């Protein structure tokens, strides 16, 4: 097993740079697509097709990494990102932009599940939550700094952020190539000959509950992300600049908690306690958001939600990789697929609810959180029954 203290900082840097590159294009893509001739509906499709490719291909790349190792799959994912960014920057027609998003979605789907599988390879069971928290923190910080950089570079040209993101991805590829060591020894690759049956068992057994729990959490989060700008403008008169600061505050707080607290909490109390705590805090955050009336309350309430939401995914990842019968890559790939499904369905659901009543996306967030909490309780009961039968 690789020395965790050396590998985790490298993984943190890799995921931070990947997400900075991804985040750079977020504030620019709508204007860029509009200049090429995309309608609002086509822009929505452009966003959705990327998530759809991630949904379909994350489990595939996870299984591939179980067979050939983590490092080559991570390099494929990062090169895929670089290629898609450069293709977007060179796009002069809408079909070219769609092609770039499809290619990027297919190849970059390798990144998150394989990095999480890498963490599972190099961490002990008790330190698994800490490792997953570090990945979560890197992802969150990348999303904080990426859009800010994208805004700066877009002032030079709308093409520039895509080229910067591509260069950032190439530098990340070199970091992985020369610094990151393989975490899965050759003798441990391809050992899961019954991989498909193991995954089928995971979806039929008590573990399937954790995948659906993550789906509900992702669904509620993406519904909030899609509607909060309109909600904050309506309730508190906040504009794009204020919202940028609010999401930055939330991202920093969430990253700090994931990087510094998740590992200690899971080690002391177990992943189950942290998952339940995160769900409860998220639900409270959703309720408080309904009371937003100023920049200060928006920042505080959204941060409370972000902290709760931020500690759930690393804890679910840690628990699944500790208990799954399938390979780590297969498990994290399937989890990423459920996460993507929530990100595809969440924005249109949130928008539809918002059109009915502006508070409905957050009321539905409370309901989804309560359902996720109930799912975990069911998971606990089923696990205890299986253990009692086994003994």
Protein backbone atom coordinates (compact mmCIF):
# COMPACT_ATOMS: atom_id res chain seq x y z
CA UNK A 1 0.00 0.00 0.00
CA UNK A 2 1.31 3.44 -0.92
CA UNK A 3 2.26 5.81 1.86
CA UNK A 4 -0.98 7.70 2.43
CA UNK A 5 0.69 10.86 3.76
CA UNK A 6 2.56 11.31 0.47
CA UNK A 7 -0.20 10.28 -1.91
CA UNK A 8 -3.12 12.28 -0.47
CA UNK A 9 -1.54 15.75 -1.03
CA UNK A 10 -0.79 14.76 -4.65
CA UNK A 11 -4.41 13.62 -5.15
CA UNK A 12 -5.60 16.86 -3.54
CA UNK A 13 -3.52 18.87 -6.05
CA UNK A 14 -4.74 16.75 -8.99
CA UNK A 15 -8.44 17.10 -8.13
CA UNK A 16 -8.04 20.80 -7.28
CA UNK A 17 -6.46 21.51 -10.68
CA UNK A 18 -9.05 19.35 -12.49
CA UNK A 19 -11.92 21.22 -10.86
CA UNK A 20 -10.30 24.65 -11.37
CA UNK A 21 -10.11 23.84 -15.08
CA UNK A 22 -13.71 22.67 -15.06
CA UNK A 23 -14.85 25.71 -13.07
CA UNK A 24 -13.08 28.24 -15.30
CA UNK A 25 -15.56 27.67 -18.14
CA UNK A 26 -18.75 27.76 -15.98
CA UNK A 27 -19.39 31.54 -16.09
CA UNK A 28 -18.33 31.79 -19.75
CA UNK A 29 -20.08 28.85 -21.44
CA UNK A 30 -23.61 30.40 -21.57
CA UNK A 31 -22.34 33.57 -23.30
CA UNK A 32 -19.99 31.61 -25.55
CA UNK A 33 -22.78 29.25 -26.67
CA UNK A 34 -25.14 32.21 -27.19
CA UNK A 35 -22.58 33.90 -29.48
CA UNK A 36 -22.42 30.73 -31.59
CA UNK A 37 -26.21 30.77 -31.86
CA UNK A 38 -27.50 28.53 -29.05
CA UNK A 39 -31.02 29.12 -27.74
CA UNK A 40 -31.70 28.81 -23.97
CA UNK A 41 -33.13 25.33 -24.63
CA UNK A 42 -30.00 24.30 -26.56
CA UNK A 43 -27.84 25.68 -23.77
CA UNK A 44 -29.75 23.45 -21.35
CA UNK A 45 -29.10 20.47 -23.64
CA UNK A 46 -25.42 21.42 -23.79
CA UNK A 47 -25.24 21.26 -19.98
CA UNK A 48 -27.32 18.06 -19.77
CA UNK A 49 -25.40 16.07 -22.40
CA UNK A 50 -22.18 16.34 -20.36
CA UNK A 51 -23.90 14.99 -17.23
CA UNK A 52 -25.59 12.28 -19.30
CA UNK A 53 -22.22 11.04 -20.59
CA UNK A 54 -20.90 11.03 -17.01
CA UNK A 55 -23.93 9.03 -15.90
CA UNK A 56 -23.34 6.40 -18.59
CA UNK A 57 -19.54 6.15 -18.50
CA UNK A 58 -18.50 6.63 -14.83
CA UNK A 59 -19.27 2.96 -13.98
CA UNK A 60 -17.43 1.82 -17.13
CA UNK A 61 -14.25 3.71 -16.22
CA UNK A 62 -14.51 2.50 -12.62
CA UNK A 63 -14.52 -1.12 -13.81
CA UNK A 64 -11.67 -0.42 -16.26
CA UNK A 65 -9.55 1.00 -13.42
CA UNK A 66 -10.12 -2.23 -11.44
CA UNK A 67 -8.61 -4.14 -14.37
CA UNK A 68 -5.73 -1.99 -15.64
CA UNK A 69 -4.92 0.22 -12.62
CA UNK A 70 -5.88 3.71 -11.45
CA UNK A 71 -3.09 5.86 -12.90
CA UNK A 72 -3.69 5.21 -16.64
CA UNK A 73 -7.43 5.80 -16.24
CA UNK A 74 -6.88 9.08 -14.38
CA UNK A 75 -4.53 10.19 -17.18
CA UNK A 76 -7.15 9.31 -19.81
CA UNK A 77 -9.73 11.37 -17.91
CA UNK A 78 -7.50 14.42 -17.60
CA UNK A 79 -6.38 14.26 -21.25
CA UNK A 80 -10.04 13.99 -22.22
CA UNK A 81 -10.79 17.17 -20.30
CA UNK A 82 -7.89 18.99 -21.98
CA UNK A 83 -9.07 17.85 -25.42
CA UNK A 84 -12.65 18.96 -24.78
CA UNK A 85 -11.55 22.40 -23.52
CA UNK A 86 -9.39 23.05 -26.58
CA UNK A 87 -12.16 21.83 -28.90
CA UNK A 88 -14.65 24.17 -27.19
CA UNK A 89 -12.23 27.06 -27.53
CA UNK A 90 -11.91 26.34 -31.27
CA UNK A 91 -15.64 25.81 -31.84
CA UNK A 92 -17.26 28.02 -34.46
CA UNK A 93 -20.55 26.12 -34.77
CA UNK A 94 -22.99 24.67 -32.26
CA UNK A 95 -22.45 21.06 -33.36
CA UNK A 96 -18.73 21.45 -32.59
CA UNK A 97 -19.58 22.61 -29.07
CA UNK A 98 -21.88 19.62 -28.58
CA UNK A 99 -19.19 17.25 -29.90
CA UNK A 100 -16.65 18.72 -27.47
CA UNK A 101 -19.07 18.34 -24.53
CA UNK A 102 -19.84 14.72 -25.47
CA UNK A 103 -16.13 13.84 -25.76
CA UNK A 104 -15.37 15.65 -22.51
CA UNK A 105 -18.24 13.94 -20.69
CA UNK A 106 -17.24 10.45 -21.86
CA UNK A 107 -13.54 10.76 -21.03
CA UNK A 108 -13.64 12.98 -17.93
CA UNK A 109 -16.15 10.57 -16.35
CA UNK A 110 -12.99 8.61 -15.49
CA UNK A 111 -11.69 11.23 -13.04
CA UNK A 112 -13.88 11.27 -9.93
CA UNK A 113 -14.62 7.52 -9.52
CA UNK A 114 -11.00 6.54 -10.21
CA UNK A 115 -9.57 9.11 -7.78
CA UNK A 116 -12.01 7.92 -5.09
CA UNK A 117 -11.02 4.31 -5.85
CA UNK A 118 -7.37 5.36 -5.53
CA UNK A 119 -8.14 6.82 -2.09
CA UNK A 120 -9.86 3.58 -1.09
CA UNK A 121 -6.76 1.64 -2.22
CA UNK A 122 -4.31 3.62 -0.10
CA UNK A 123 -6.30 4.23 3.09
CA UNK A 124 -7.11 1.93 5.98
CA UNK A 125 -10.77 1.41 6.89
CA UNK A 126 -10.57 3.88 9.77
CA UNK A 127 -8.87 6.59 7.68
CA UNK A 128 -11.13 6.14 4.64
CA UNK A 129 -13.39 9.04 5.59
CA UNK A 130 -10.40 11.37 5.90
CA UNK A 131 -9.17 10.44 2.43
CA UNK A 132 -12.58 10.93 0.83
CA UNK A 133 -12.91 14.24 2.67
CA UNK A 134 -9.63 15.46 1.18
CA UNK A 135 -10.92 14.70 -2.34
CA UNK A 136 -14.17 16.49 -1.52
CA UNK A 137 -12.29 19.53 -0.20
CA UNK A 138 -10.14 19.72 -3.35
CA UNK A 139 -13.25 19.51 -5.52
CA UNK A 140 -14.99 22.26 -3.53
CA UNK A 141 -12.01 24.61 -3.60
CA UNK A 142 -11.59 24.08 -7.34
CA UNK A 143 -15.20 25.17 -7.84
CA UNK A 144 -14.56 28.25 -5.70
CA UNK A 145 -11.47 29.49 -7.58
CA UNK A 146 -12.27 28.21 -11.10
CA UNK A 147 -15.28 30.44 -11.88
CA UNK A 148 -13.47 33.48 -10.46
CA UNK A 149 -10.53 32.86 -12.82
CA UNK A 150 -12.94 32.28 -15.69
CA UNK A 151 -14.51 35.68 -15.09
CA UNK A 152 -11.09 37.36 -15.15
CA UNK A 153 -9.86 35.65 -18.35
CA UNK A 154 -13.19 36.21 -20.13
CA UNK A 155 -12.42 39.94 -20.14
CA UNK A 156 -9.57 39.23 -22.58
CA UNK A 157 -11.68 37.03 -24.85
CA UNK A 158 -14.52 34.53 -24.51
CA UNK A 159 -12.19 31.92 -26.05
CA UNK A 160 -9.40 32.51 -23.51
CA UNK A 161 -10.92 30.66 -20.49
CA UNK A 162 -11.21 27.47 -22.55
CA UNK A 163 -7.54 27.59 -23.57
CA UNK A 164 -6.48 28.34 -19.97
CA UNK A 165 -8.59 25.40 -18.77
CA UNK A 166 -6.96 23.17 -21.41
CA UNK A 167 -3.45 24.23 -20.40
CA UNK A 168 -4.32 23.68 -16.71
CA UNK A 169 -5.50 20.15 -17.58
CA UNK A 170 -2.28 19.40 -19.49
CA UNK A 171 -0.21 20.52 -16.49
CA UNK A 172 -2.33 18.26 -14.28
CA UNK A 173 -1.70 15.37 -16.69
CA UNK A 174 2.07 15.92 -16.32
CA UNK A 175 1.71 15.96 -12.52
CA UNK A 176 -0.04 12.58 -12.62
CA UNK A 177 2.42 11.15 -15.17
CA UNK A 178 5.60 12.04 -13.28
CA UNK A 179 4.58 12.26 -9.61
CA UNK A 180 1.59 10.00 -8.89
CA UNK A 181 2.38 6.33 -8.34
CA UNK A 182 0.02 3.46 -9.12
CA UNK A 183 -2.11 2.38 -6.15
CA UNK A 184 -3.42 -0.96 -7.43
CA UNK A 185 -0.73 -3.67 -7.62
CA UNK A 186 -0.76 -5.87 -10.74
CA UNK A 187 -1.57 -8.96 -8.68
CA UNK A 188 -4.77 -7.29 -7.41
CA UNK A 189 -6.08 -6.27 -10.84
CA UNK A 190 -8.90 -8.13 -12.53
CA UNK A 191 -9.50 -10.31 -9.49
CA UNK A 192 -13.23 -9.57 -9.48
CA UNK A 193 -14.25 -12.16 -12.06
CA UNK A 194 -17.78 -12.04 -10.69
CA UNK A 195 -17.78 -8.25 -10.96
CA UNK A 196 -21.14 -7.99 -12.75
CA UNK A 197 -22.82 -10.28 -10.26
CA UNK A 198 -21.20 -8.32 -7.41
CA UNK A 199 -22.59 -5.05 -8.80
CA UNK A 200 -26.00 -6.66 -9.34
CA UNK A 201 -25.89 -7.86 -5.74
CA UNK A 202 -24.96 -4.34 -4.61
CA UNK A 203 -28.00 -2.90 -6.39
CA UNK A 204 -30.30 -5.60 -5.01
CA UNK A 205 -28.92 -5.74 -1.49
CA UNK A 206 -28.83 -3.30 1.40
CA UNK A 207 -26.01 -1.31 -0.24
CA UNK A 208 -28.38 -0.16 -2.98
CA UNK A 209 -30.01 2.06 -0.33
CA UNK A 210 -26.82 4.14 -0.06
CA UNK A 211 -26.75 4.76 -3.82
CA UNK A 212 -30.34 6.02 -3.75
CA UNK A 213 -29.55 8.11 -0.67
CA UNK A 214 -26.81 9.85 -2.67
CA UNK A 215 -29.25 10.32 -5.56
CA UNK A 216 -31.68 12.19 -3.28
CA UNK A 217 -28.88 14.36 -1.87
CA UNK A 218 -27.60 15.21 -5.38
CA UNK A 219 -31.15 15.88 -6.60
CA UNK A 220 -31.84 18.39 -3.79
CA UNK A 221 -28.44 20.12 -4.18
CA UNK A 222 -28.71 20.60 -7.96
CA UNK A 223 -32.28 21.86 -7.58
CA UNK A 224 -31.00 24.54 -5.19
CA UNK A 225 -28.07 25.46 -7.46
CA UNK A 226 -30.44 25.94 -10.41
CA UNK A 227 -32.88 28.25 -8.60
CA UNK A 228 -31.06 30.07 -5.78
CA UNK A 229 -29.96 33.01 -7.95
CA UNK A 230 -33.60 33.77 -8.83
CA UNK A 231 -34.74 33.17 -5.25
CA UNK A 232 -32.08 35.48 -3.76
CA UNK A 233 -32.86 38.21 -6.31
CA UNK A 234 -36.57 38.00 -5.47
CA UNK A 235 -36.23 37.80 -1.68
CA UNK A 236 -33.19 40.00 -1.02
CA UNK A 237 -32.44 41.87 -4.27
CA UNK A 238 -29.06 40.18 -4.67
CA UNK A 239 -27.16 40.33 -7.96
CA UNK A 240 -24.47 38.24 -9.67
CA UNK A 241 -21.56 39.75 -7.71
CA UNK A 242 -23.17 39.16 -4.31
CA UNK A 243 -24.10 35.62 -5.32
CA UNK A 244 -20.52 34.95 -6.37
CA UNK A 245 -19.32 35.96 -2.90
CA UNK A 246 -22.02 33.88 -1.20
CA UNK A 247 -21.13 30.72 -3.12
CA UNK A 248 -17.43 31.39 -2.46
CA UNK A 249 -18.07 31.63 1.31
CA UNK A 250 -20.14 28.43 1.20
CA UNK A 251 -17.50 26.61 -0.85
CA UNK A 252 -14.64 27.60 1.45
CA UNK A 253 -16.55 26.58 4.59
CA UNK A 254 -17.59 23.27 3.04
CA UNK A 255 -14.03 22.53 1.84
CA UNK A 256 -12.60 23.35 5.29
CA UNK A 257 -15.03 20.96 6.98
CA UNK A 258 -14.45 18.18 4.44
CA UNK A 259 -10.68 18.48 4.53
CA UNK A 260 -10.27 18.96 8.26
CA UNK A 261 -13.26 17.49 10.09
CA UNK A 262 -14.76 14.58 8.13
CA UNK A 263 -11.81 12.27 8.81
CA UNK A 264 -11.81 12.97 12.55
CA UNK A 265 -15.57 12.61 12.82
CA UNK A 266 -15.78 9.33 10.89
CA UNK A 267 -12.85 7.96 12.89
CA UNK A 268 -14.49 8.88 16.21
CA UNK A 269 -18.17 8.25 15.48
CA UNK A 270 -18.31 6.22 12.25
CA UNK A 271 -19.53 7.08 8.76
CA UNK A 272 -23.18 6.42 9.64
CA UNK A 273 -23.25 9.12 12.31
CA UNK A 274 -21.66 11.67 9.94
CA UNK A 275 -24.08 10.82 7.11
CA UNK A 276 -27.09 11.31 9.40
CA UNK A 277 -25.65 14.52 10.87
CA UNK A 278 -25.01 15.89 7.38
CA UNK A 279 -28.56 15.11 6.27
CA UNK A 280 -30.06 16.83 9.35
CA UNK A 281 -27.88 19.94 8.93
CA UNK A 282 -28.78 20.07 5.20
CA UNK A 283 -32.48 19.91 6.02
CA UNK A 284 -32.08 22.73 8.57
CA UNK A 285 -30.18 24.73 5.93
CA UNK A 286 -33.01 24.28 3.41
CA UNK A 287 -35.50 25.52 6.01
CA UNK A 288 -33.38 28.56 6.88
CA UNK A 289 -32.95 29.49 3.20
CA UNK A 290 -36.70 30.15 3.09
CA UNK A 291 -36.05 32.99 5.59
CA UNK A 292 -33.37 34.76 3.48
CA UNK A 293 -33.86 38.55 3.45
CA UNK A 294 -30.34 39.99 3.02
CA UNK A 295 -26.79 39.27 1.87
CA UNK A 296 -25.79 38.28 5.44
CA UNK A 297 -28.64 35.83 6.01
CA UNK A 298 -28.14 34.34 2.53
CA UNK A 299 -24.43 33.78 3.22
CA UNK A 300 -25.02 32.25 6.67
CA UNK A 301 -27.95 30.01 5.74
CA UNK A 302 -26.43 28.77 2.50
CA UNK A 303 -23.17 28.01 4.33
CA UNK A 304 -25.05 25.97 6.94
CA UNK A 305 -26.63 23.98 4.11
CA UNK A 306 -23.27 23.63 2.32
CA UNK A 307 -21.50 22.28 5.41
CA UNK A 308 -24.20 19.67 5.95
CA UNK A 309 -24.31 18.65 2.30
CA UNK A 310 -20.52 18.61 1.99
CA UNK A 311 -19.90 15.93 4.62
CA UNK A 312 -22.41 13.42 3.20
CA UNK A 313 -20.72 12.37 -0.08
CA UNK A 314 -17.24 11.58 1.39
CA UNK A 315 -18.87 9.56 4.18
CA UNK A 316 -21.11 7.61 1.78
CA UNK A 317 -18.06 6.92 -0.46
CA UNK A 318 -16.04 5.70 2.52
CA UNK A 319 -18.82 3.44 3.79
CA UNK A 320 -19.50 1.91 0.36
CA UNK A 321 -15.85 1.15 -0.42
CA UNK A 322 -15.45 -0.48 3.00
CA UNK A 323 -18.45 -2.78 2.60
CA UNK A 324 -18.79 -3.42 -1.16
CA UNK A 325 -18.04 -6.85 -2.65
CA UNK A 326 -17.20 -5.30 -6.04
CA UNK A 327 -13.87 -3.57 -6.76
CA UNK A 328 -13.32 -0.04 -5.46
CA UNK A 329 -13.50 1.39 -8.99
CA UNK A 330 -16.77 -0.37 -9.78
CA UNK A 331 -18.28 0.88 -6.52
CA UNK A 332 -17.19 4.53 -6.87
CA UNK A 333 -18.13 4.52 -10.57
CA UNK A 334 -21.67 3.42 -9.74
CA UNK A 335 -21.90 6.06 -7.01
CA UNK A 336 -20.74 8.76 -9.46
CA UNK A 337 -23.42 7.56 -11.88
CA UNK A 338 -26.18 8.05 -9.29
CA UNK A 339 -24.70 11.45 -8.46
CA UNK A 340 -24.85 12.42 -12.15
CA UNK A 341 -28.45 11.23 -12.41
CA UNK A 342 -29.37 13.64 -9.61
CA UNK A 343 -27.54 16.47 -11.38
CA UNK A 344 -29.43 15.77 -14.61
CA UNK A 345 -32.89 15.58 -13.02
CA UNK A 346 -32.40 18.22 -10.30
CA UNK A 347 -32.25 21.48 -12.32
CA UNK A 348 -35.43 20.92 -14.38
CA UNK A 349 -37.27 19.65 -11.29
CA UNK A 350 -36.09 22.67 -9.28
CA UNK A 351 -37.07 25.05 -12.07
CA UNK A 352 -40.52 23.49 -12.40
CA UNK A 353 -41.11 23.73 -8.63
CA UNK A 354 -39.82 27.33 -8.57
CA UNK A 355 -42.32 28.30 -11.27
CA UNK A 356 -45.12 26.93 -9.10
CA UNK A 357 -43.91 28.75 -5.95
CA UNK A 358 -40.48 30.21 -5.25
CA UNK A 359 -40.05 28.36 -1.96
CA UNK A 360 -40.98 24.91 -3.29
CA UNK A 361 -37.44 23.81 -4.35
CA UNK A 362 -36.30 24.27 -0.74
CA UNK A 363 -39.37 22.65 0.79
CA UNK A 364 -38.76 19.71 -1.57
CA UNK A 365 -35.11 19.78 -0.39
CA UNK A 366 -36.31 19.28 3.19
CA UNK A 367 -38.56 16.39 2.06
CA UNK A 368 -35.74 14.76 0.06
CA UNK A 369 -33.40 15.13 3.07
CA UNK A 370 -35.95 13.45 5.34
CA UNK A 371 -36.35 10.64 2.79
CA UNK A 372 -32.54 10.25 2.67
CA UNK A 373 -32.46 10.08 6.49
CA UNK A 374 -35.20 7.44 6.43
CA UNK A 375 -33.26 5.46 3.81
CA UNK A 376 -30.20 5.41 6.05
CA UNK A 377 -32.27 4.14 8.96
CA UNK A 378 -33.62 1.34 6.71
CA UNK A 379 -30.05 0.56 5.62
CA UNK A 380 -29.01 0.26 9.27
CA UNK A 381 -31.89 -2.12 10.08
CA UNK A 382 -31.20 -4.31 7.05
CA UNK A 383 -27.46 -4.45 7.80
CA UNK A 384 -28.13 -5.52 11.39
CA UNK A 385 -30.47 -8.24 10.18
CA UNK A 386 -27.86 -9.56 7.75
CA UNK A 387 -25.19 -9.56 10.48
CA UNK A 388 -27.48 -11.41 12.89
CA UNK A 389 -28.29 -14.03 10.19
CA UNK A 390 -24.58 -14.37 9.36
CA UNK A 391 -23.64 -14.94 13.00
